[in-house]
């Protein structure tokens, strides 16, 4: 009984860090939903990025003590902590997916900017060629 009670106390302590991390992850997912649109605003991207950063920090704050406790645990406590670890790793995976989505958005924006730059330069080249043709004609 004493071992079970001690395990419950440790799990409660871990959950007190893990639950807020999971809530922040939910907020980050919610903040990232508008990014699924074709052209999200820069404000939406920044809000999502901030929410992801907060969720990442909270998750890391939960993972460090969890991993430390798991290294020092065995038996019932280890079994209970492994359940917490599954939750933490699931949250970590979702957070990774959000980060990948942000990376894709940044790459798309960079590509769009480069495409616009190339179009402007091509227009300048075309204008220069036309001017040269007029001079030579």
N, C-alpha and C. Protein backbone atom coordinates (compact mmCIF):
# COMPACT_ATOMS: atom_id res chain seq x y z
N UNK A 1 0.82 -1.21 0.00
CA UNK A 1 0.00 0.00 0.00
C UNK A 1 0.86 1.27 0.00
N UNK A 2 1.90 1.25 0.81
CA UNK A 2 2.78 2.42 0.91
C UNK A 2 3.47 2.69 -0.42
N UNK A 3 3.86 1.62 -1.13
CA UNK A 3 4.50 1.77 -2.43
C UNK A 3 3.53 2.39 -3.44
N UNK A 4 2.29 1.94 -3.40
CA UNK A 4 1.28 2.47 -4.31
C UNK A 4 1.01 3.94 -4.01
N UNK A 5 0.94 4.28 -2.74
CA UNK A 5 0.71 5.67 -2.35
C UNK A 5 1.87 6.57 -2.78
N UNK A 6 3.09 6.07 -2.62
CA UNK A 6 4.27 6.83 -3.04
C UNK A 6 4.26 7.00 -4.56
N UNK A 7 3.89 5.95 -5.28
CA UNK A 7 3.82 6.03 -6.74
C UNK A 7 2.77 7.04 -7.17
N UNK A 8 1.62 7.04 -6.50
CA UNK A 8 0.56 8.00 -6.82
C UNK A 8 1.03 9.43 -6.61
N UNK A 9 1.80 9.67 -5.57
CA UNK A 9 2.30 11.02 -5.29
C UNK A 9 3.26 11.49 -6.38
N UNK A 10 4.14 10.60 -6.82
CA UNK A 10 5.10 10.95 -7.87
C UNK A 10 4.36 11.21 -9.19
N UNK A 11 3.40 10.34 -9.51
CA UNK A 11 2.63 10.51 -10.74
C UNK A 11 1.83 11.82 -10.67
N UNK A 12 1.29 12.12 -9.52
CA UNK A 12 0.55 13.38 -9.35
C UNK A 12 1.47 14.57 -9.61
N UNK A 13 2.69 14.49 -9.12
CA UNK A 13 3.67 15.55 -9.33
C UNK A 13 4.00 15.69 -10.82
N UNK A 14 4.20 14.57 -11.49
CA UNK A 14 4.50 14.60 -12.93
C UNK A 14 3.31 15.16 -13.71
N UNK A 15 2.11 14.71 -13.33
CA UNK A 15 0.90 15.20 -14.01
C UNK A 15 0.70 16.70 -13.82
N UNK A 16 1.15 17.22 -12.70
CA UNK A 16 0.99 18.65 -12.46
C UNK A 16 1.82 19.47 -13.45
N UNK A 17 2.82 18.86 -14.05
CA UNK A 17 3.59 19.54 -15.10
C UNK A 17 3.11 19.13 -16.49
N UNK A 18 2.66 17.89 -16.62
CA UNK A 18 2.26 17.37 -17.93
C UNK A 18 0.92 17.93 -18.40
N UNK A 19 -0.03 18.05 -17.51
CA UNK A 19 -1.36 18.55 -17.90
C UNK A 19 -1.28 19.97 -18.47
N UNK A 20 -0.58 20.92 -17.82
CA UNK A 20 -0.47 22.25 -18.43
C UNK A 20 0.24 22.22 -19.79
N UNK A 21 1.19 21.32 -19.94
CA UNK A 21 1.88 21.20 -21.23
C UNK A 21 0.91 20.73 -22.30
N UNK A 22 0.06 19.78 -21.95
CA UNK A 22 -0.94 19.29 -22.91
C UNK A 22 -1.96 20.38 -23.25
N UNK A 23 -2.31 21.19 -22.27
CA UNK A 23 -3.23 22.31 -22.54
C UNK A 23 -2.60 23.33 -23.48
N UNK A 24 -1.33 23.63 -23.26
CA UNK A 24 -0.63 24.57 -24.15
C UNK A 24 -0.50 23.99 -25.55
N UNK A 25 -0.32 22.68 -25.65
CA UNK A 25 -0.28 22.04 -26.96
C UNK A 25 -1.62 22.21 -27.66
N UNK A 26 -2.72 22.01 -26.93
CA UNK A 26 -4.05 22.21 -27.52
C UNK A 26 -4.21 23.64 -28.01
N UNK A 27 -3.71 24.60 -27.24
CA UNK A 27 -3.77 26.01 -27.67
C UNK A 27 -2.94 26.23 -28.92
N UNK A 28 -1.78 25.58 -28.97
CA UNK A 28 -0.93 25.73 -30.16
C UNK A 28 -1.60 25.13 -31.39
N UNK A 29 -2.26 24.00 -31.22
CA UNK A 29 -2.99 23.38 -32.33
C UNK A 29 -4.09 24.32 -32.79
N UNK A 30 -4.82 24.87 -31.84
CA UNK A 30 -5.90 25.80 -32.16
C UNK A 30 -5.36 27.05 -32.88
N UNK A 31 -4.24 27.57 -32.38
CA UNK A 31 -3.65 28.77 -32.99
C UNK A 31 -3.10 28.47 -34.39
N UNK A 32 -2.79 27.22 -34.66
CA UNK A 32 -2.22 26.84 -35.95
C UNK A 32 -3.27 26.48 -36.99
N UNK A 33 -4.51 26.31 -36.58
CA UNK A 33 -5.56 25.95 -37.53
C UNK A 33 -5.71 26.96 -38.67
N UNK A 34 -5.64 28.27 -38.41
CA UNK A 34 -5.76 29.21 -39.54
C UNK A 34 -4.63 29.09 -40.56
N UNK A 35 -3.53 28.47 -40.19
CA UNK A 35 -2.40 28.34 -41.10
C UNK A 35 -2.67 27.32 -42.20
N UNK A 36 -3.73 26.55 -42.03
CA UNK A 36 -4.10 25.56 -43.05
C UNK A 36 -4.68 26.25 -44.28
N UNK A 37 -5.07 27.52 -44.13
CA UNK A 37 -5.60 28.28 -45.26
C UNK A 37 -4.49 28.55 -46.27
N UNK A 38 -4.89 28.98 -47.44
CA UNK A 38 -3.93 29.23 -48.51
C UNK A 38 -2.92 30.33 -48.14
N UNK A 39 -3.42 31.45 -47.63
CA UNK A 39 -2.53 32.58 -47.32
C UNK A 39 -2.80 33.10 -45.91
N UNK A 40 -2.21 32.47 -44.90
CA UNK A 40 -2.41 32.99 -43.55
C UNK A 40 -1.69 34.33 -43.39
N UNK A 41 -2.22 35.15 -42.50
CA UNK A 41 -1.59 36.45 -42.27
C UNK A 41 -0.32 36.25 -41.45
N UNK A 42 0.55 37.23 -41.49
CA UNK A 42 1.79 37.15 -40.72
C UNK A 42 1.47 37.14 -39.22
N UNK A 43 0.40 37.81 -38.84
CA UNK A 43 -0.01 37.81 -37.43
C UNK A 43 -0.43 36.40 -36.99
N UNK A 44 -1.16 35.71 -37.84
CA UNK A 44 -1.57 34.34 -37.51
C UNK A 44 -0.35 33.42 -37.39
N UNK A 45 0.60 33.60 -38.28
CA UNK A 45 1.82 32.79 -38.24
C UNK A 45 2.57 33.06 -36.94
N UNK A 46 2.69 34.33 -36.58
CA UNK A 46 3.42 34.69 -35.35
C UNK A 46 2.71 34.18 -34.10
N UNK A 47 1.37 34.29 -34.07
CA UNK A 47 0.62 33.78 -32.91
C UNK A 47 0.80 32.28 -32.77
N UNK A 48 0.77 31.60 -33.87
CA UNK A 48 0.96 30.15 -33.86
C UNK A 48 2.37 29.80 -33.40
N UNK A 49 3.35 30.53 -33.92
CA UNK A 49 4.74 30.28 -33.55
C UNK A 49 4.94 30.49 -32.05
N UNK A 50 4.35 31.53 -31.51
CA UNK A 50 4.46 31.81 -30.08
C UNK A 50 3.79 30.70 -29.26
N UNK A 51 2.61 30.27 -29.69
CA UNK A 51 1.90 29.21 -28.98
C UNK A 51 2.70 27.90 -29.00
N UNK A 52 3.33 27.62 -30.13
CA UNK A 52 4.15 26.41 -30.23
C UNK A 52 5.35 26.51 -29.30
N UNK A 53 5.96 27.68 -29.24
CA UNK A 53 7.11 27.88 -28.37
C UNK A 53 6.74 27.68 -26.90
N UNK A 54 5.60 28.24 -26.50
CA UNK A 54 5.14 28.08 -25.11
C UNK A 54 4.87 26.61 -24.81
N UNK A 55 4.20 25.92 -25.74
CA UNK A 55 3.90 24.50 -25.55
C UNK A 55 5.18 23.69 -25.46
N UNK A 56 6.16 24.02 -26.30
CA UNK A 56 7.44 23.31 -26.27
C UNK A 56 8.13 23.48 -24.92
N UNK A 57 8.16 24.72 -24.43
CA UNK A 57 8.80 24.99 -23.14
C UNK A 57 8.12 24.22 -22.01
N UNK A 58 6.79 24.24 -22.01
CA UNK A 58 6.04 23.52 -20.96
C UNK A 58 6.28 22.01 -21.05
N UNK A 59 6.32 21.50 -22.27
CA UNK A 59 6.53 20.07 -22.44
C UNK A 59 7.92 19.67 -21.98
N UNK A 60 8.90 20.48 -22.31
CA UNK A 60 10.27 20.17 -21.87
C UNK A 60 10.37 20.22 -20.34
N UNK A 61 9.66 21.17 -19.74
CA UNK A 61 9.65 21.28 -18.28
C UNK A 61 9.00 20.05 -17.64
N UNK A 62 8.10 19.40 -18.36
CA UNK A 62 7.46 18.18 -17.85
C UNK A 62 8.32 16.95 -18.13
N UNK A 63 9.00 16.94 -19.27
CA UNK A 63 9.78 15.77 -19.66
C UNK A 63 11.02 15.55 -18.81
N UNK A 64 11.69 16.62 -18.43
CA UNK A 64 12.93 16.48 -17.67
C UNK A 64 12.70 15.74 -16.36
N UNK A 65 11.78 16.17 -15.50
CA UNK A 65 11.58 15.41 -14.26
C UNK A 65 11.02 14.01 -14.51
N UNK A 66 10.21 13.86 -15.54
CA UNK A 66 9.67 12.54 -15.86
C UNK A 66 10.80 11.58 -16.20
N UNK A 67 11.70 12.01 -17.06
CA UNK A 67 12.82 11.15 -17.44
C UNK A 67 13.73 10.85 -16.25
N UNK A 68 13.95 11.84 -15.40
CA UNK A 68 14.77 11.62 -14.20
C UNK A 68 14.13 10.59 -13.28
N UNK A 69 12.84 10.74 -13.06
CA UNK A 69 12.13 9.81 -12.17
C UNK A 69 12.13 8.40 -12.76
N UNK A 70 11.98 8.31 -14.08
CA UNK A 70 11.94 7.00 -14.72
C UNK A 70 13.28 6.27 -14.57
N UNK A 71 14.37 7.01 -14.66
CA UNK A 71 15.70 6.38 -14.51
C UNK A 71 15.90 5.80 -13.11
N UNK A 72 15.27 6.40 -12.12
CA UNK A 72 15.47 5.98 -10.74
C UNK A 72 14.36 5.06 -10.24
N UNK A 73 13.41 4.70 -11.11
CA UNK A 73 12.23 3.96 -10.66
C UNK A 73 12.24 2.52 -11.15
N UNK A 74 11.40 1.76 -10.47
CA UNK A 74 11.19 0.37 -10.86
C UNK A 74 9.81 -0.06 -10.37
N UNK A 75 9.38 -1.21 -10.82
CA UNK A 75 8.12 -1.77 -10.35
C UNK A 75 6.91 -0.93 -10.70
N UNK A 76 6.03 -0.79 -9.73
CA UNK A 76 4.76 -0.09 -9.91
C UNK A 76 4.97 1.36 -10.34
N UNK A 77 5.91 2.03 -9.71
CA UNK A 77 6.16 3.44 -10.06
C UNK A 77 6.60 3.56 -11.51
N UNK A 78 7.50 2.70 -11.94
CA UNK A 78 7.97 2.75 -13.32
C UNK A 78 6.81 2.51 -14.29
N UNK A 79 5.95 1.58 -13.98
CA UNK A 79 4.79 1.29 -14.83
C UNK A 79 3.90 2.52 -14.96
N UNK A 80 3.65 3.18 -13.85
CA UNK A 80 2.81 4.38 -13.87
C UNK A 80 3.49 5.52 -14.63
N UNK A 81 4.79 5.66 -14.45
CA UNK A 81 5.52 6.72 -15.15
C UNK A 81 5.58 6.45 -16.65
N UNK A 82 5.60 5.19 -17.03
CA UNK A 82 5.60 4.86 -18.46
C UNK A 82 4.30 5.31 -19.12
N UNK A 83 3.20 5.26 -18.37
CA UNK A 83 1.93 5.75 -18.89
C UNK A 83 2.02 7.26 -19.13
N UNK A 84 2.64 7.95 -18.20
CA UNK A 84 2.84 9.40 -18.37
C UNK A 84 3.75 9.68 -19.56
N UNK A 85 4.75 8.83 -19.72
CA UNK A 85 5.70 9.02 -20.83
C UNK A 85 4.99 8.88 -22.17
N UNK A 86 4.06 7.94 -22.28
CA UNK A 86 3.31 7.77 -23.53
C UNK A 86 2.57 9.06 -23.86
N UNK A 87 1.94 9.65 -22.86
CA UNK A 87 1.24 10.92 -23.08
C UNK A 87 2.21 12.01 -23.51
N UNK A 88 3.35 12.07 -22.83
CA UNK A 88 4.34 13.11 -23.14
C UNK A 88 4.89 12.93 -24.55
N UNK A 89 5.17 11.71 -24.93
CA UNK A 89 5.72 11.45 -26.27
C UNK A 89 4.67 11.72 -27.36
N UNK A 90 3.42 11.45 -27.06
CA UNK A 90 2.34 11.77 -28.01
C UNK A 90 2.27 13.28 -28.20
N UNK A 91 2.34 14.02 -27.11
CA UNK A 91 2.34 15.48 -27.19
C UNK A 91 3.56 15.97 -27.96
N UNK A 92 4.69 15.36 -27.71
CA UNK A 92 5.93 15.74 -28.39
C UNK A 92 5.80 15.51 -29.90
N UNK A 93 5.18 14.41 -30.28
CA UNK A 93 4.98 14.10 -31.70
C UNK A 93 4.06 15.14 -32.35
N UNK A 94 2.97 15.49 -31.68
CA UNK A 94 2.05 16.50 -32.21
C UNK A 94 2.75 17.84 -32.36
N UNK A 95 3.57 18.17 -31.39
CA UNK A 95 4.33 19.42 -31.44
C UNK A 95 5.30 19.41 -32.62
N UNK A 96 5.92 18.28 -32.86
CA UNK A 96 6.81 18.14 -34.01
C UNK A 96 6.08 18.34 -35.32
N UNK A 97 4.85 17.84 -35.40
CA UNK A 97 4.04 18.02 -36.60
C UNK A 97 3.72 19.50 -36.82
N UNK A 98 3.44 20.20 -35.72
CA UNK A 98 3.17 21.64 -35.84
C UNK A 98 4.42 22.38 -36.30
N UNK A 99 5.56 22.01 -35.76
CA UNK A 99 6.82 22.65 -36.18
C UNK A 99 7.10 22.40 -37.66
N UNK A 100 6.82 21.18 -38.12
CA UNK A 100 7.01 20.86 -39.54
C UNK A 100 6.08 21.69 -40.41
N UNK A 101 4.85 21.89 -39.95
CA UNK A 101 3.91 22.70 -40.70
C UNK A 101 4.44 24.14 -40.81
N UNK A 102 5.00 24.64 -39.72
CA UNK A 102 5.57 25.99 -39.75
C UNK A 102 6.74 26.06 -40.73
N UNK A 103 7.55 25.04 -40.72
CA UNK A 103 8.69 25.01 -41.63
C UNK A 103 8.21 25.05 -43.08
N UNK A 104 7.18 24.28 -43.38
CA UNK A 104 6.63 24.28 -44.74
C UNK A 104 6.07 25.64 -45.11
N UNK A 105 5.41 26.30 -44.18
CA UNK A 105 4.87 27.63 -44.44
C UNK A 105 6.00 28.62 -44.72
N UNK A 106 7.06 28.53 -43.92
CA UNK A 106 8.20 29.43 -44.13
C UNK A 106 8.85 29.17 -45.49
N UNK A 107 8.97 27.89 -45.85
CA UNK A 107 9.55 27.56 -47.16
C UNK A 107 8.66 28.05 -48.29
N UNK A 108 7.35 27.91 -48.13
CA UNK A 108 6.42 28.38 -49.15
C UNK A 108 6.52 29.90 -49.30
N UNK A 109 6.60 30.60 -48.15
CA UNK A 109 6.73 32.06 -48.21
C UNK A 109 8.04 32.48 -48.86
N UNK A 110 9.11 31.78 -48.52
CA UNK A 110 10.41 32.10 -49.11
C UNK A 110 10.39 31.84 -50.61
N UNK A 111 9.78 30.74 -51.01
CA UNK A 111 9.67 30.43 -52.45
C UNK A 111 8.86 31.49 -53.17
N UNK A 112 7.78 31.91 -52.55
CA UNK A 112 6.93 32.93 -53.16
C UNK A 112 7.69 34.24 -53.32
N UNK A 113 8.45 34.60 -52.31
CA UNK A 113 9.25 35.82 -52.36
C UNK A 113 10.30 35.71 -53.46
N UNK A 114 10.96 34.57 -53.53
CA UNK A 114 11.97 34.38 -54.58
C UNK A 114 11.34 34.43 -55.96
N UNK A 115 10.18 33.83 -56.10
CA UNK A 115 9.49 33.85 -57.39
C UNK A 115 9.16 35.28 -57.80
N UNK A 116 8.69 36.07 -56.86
CA UNK A 116 8.40 37.48 -57.16
C UNK A 116 9.66 38.22 -57.57
N UNK A 117 10.76 37.96 -56.87
CA UNK A 117 12.04 38.60 -57.22
C UNK A 117 12.48 38.22 -58.63
N UNK A 118 12.35 36.95 -58.96
CA UNK A 118 12.74 36.48 -60.29
C UNK A 118 11.85 37.13 -61.35
N UNK A 119 10.56 37.22 -61.07
CA UNK A 119 9.64 37.85 -62.04
C UNK A 119 10.02 39.31 -62.26
N UNK A 120 10.36 40.02 -61.20
CA UNK A 120 10.77 41.42 -61.33
C UNK A 120 12.04 41.53 -62.17
N UNK A 121 12.99 40.66 -61.92
CA UNK A 121 14.26 40.70 -62.67
C UNK A 121 14.03 40.33 -64.13
N UNK A 122 13.15 39.38 -64.37
CA UNK A 122 12.85 39.00 -65.75
C UNK A 122 12.18 40.16 -66.48
N UNK A 123 11.33 40.89 -65.79
CA UNK A 123 10.69 42.06 -66.38
C UNK A 123 11.74 43.11 -66.73
N UNK A 124 12.72 43.32 -65.83
CA UNK A 124 13.80 44.27 -66.11
C UNK A 124 14.62 43.83 -67.31
N UNK A 125 14.92 42.55 -67.38
CA UNK A 125 15.68 42.03 -68.51
C UNK A 125 14.89 42.21 -69.80
N UNK A 126 13.62 41.89 -69.76
CA UNK A 126 12.76 42.04 -70.95
C UNK A 126 12.71 43.50 -71.39
N UNK A 127 12.56 44.41 -70.41
CA UNK A 127 12.55 45.84 -70.75
C UNK A 127 13.88 46.27 -71.34
N UNK A 128 14.96 45.77 -70.78
CA UNK A 128 16.29 46.12 -71.30
C UNK A 128 16.47 45.62 -72.72
N UNK A 129 16.00 44.40 -73.00
CA UNK A 129 16.10 43.85 -74.35
C UNK A 129 15.28 44.69 -75.32
N UNK A 130 14.08 45.09 -74.92
CA UNK A 130 13.23 45.91 -75.78
C UNK A 130 13.90 47.25 -76.07
N UNK A 131 14.50 47.83 -75.03
CA UNK A 131 15.20 49.11 -75.21
C UNK A 131 16.37 48.96 -76.17
N UNK A 132 17.09 47.87 -76.03
CA UNK A 132 18.24 47.61 -76.90
C UNK A 132 17.79 47.39 -78.34
N UNK A 133 16.68 46.68 -78.51
CA UNK A 133 16.14 46.45 -79.86
C UNK A 133 15.74 47.78 -80.50
N UNK A 134 15.17 48.69 -79.70
CA UNK A 134 14.77 49.99 -80.25
C UNK A 134 15.98 50.80 -80.66
N UNK A 135 17.04 50.71 -79.86
CA UNK A 135 18.27 51.47 -80.17
C UNK A 135 18.90 50.91 -81.45
N UNK A 136 18.89 49.59 -81.57
CA UNK A 136 19.52 48.96 -82.74
C UNK A 136 18.67 49.05 -84.00
N UNK A 137 17.39 49.31 -83.85
CA UNK A 137 16.51 49.34 -85.02
C UNK A 137 16.57 50.63 -85.78
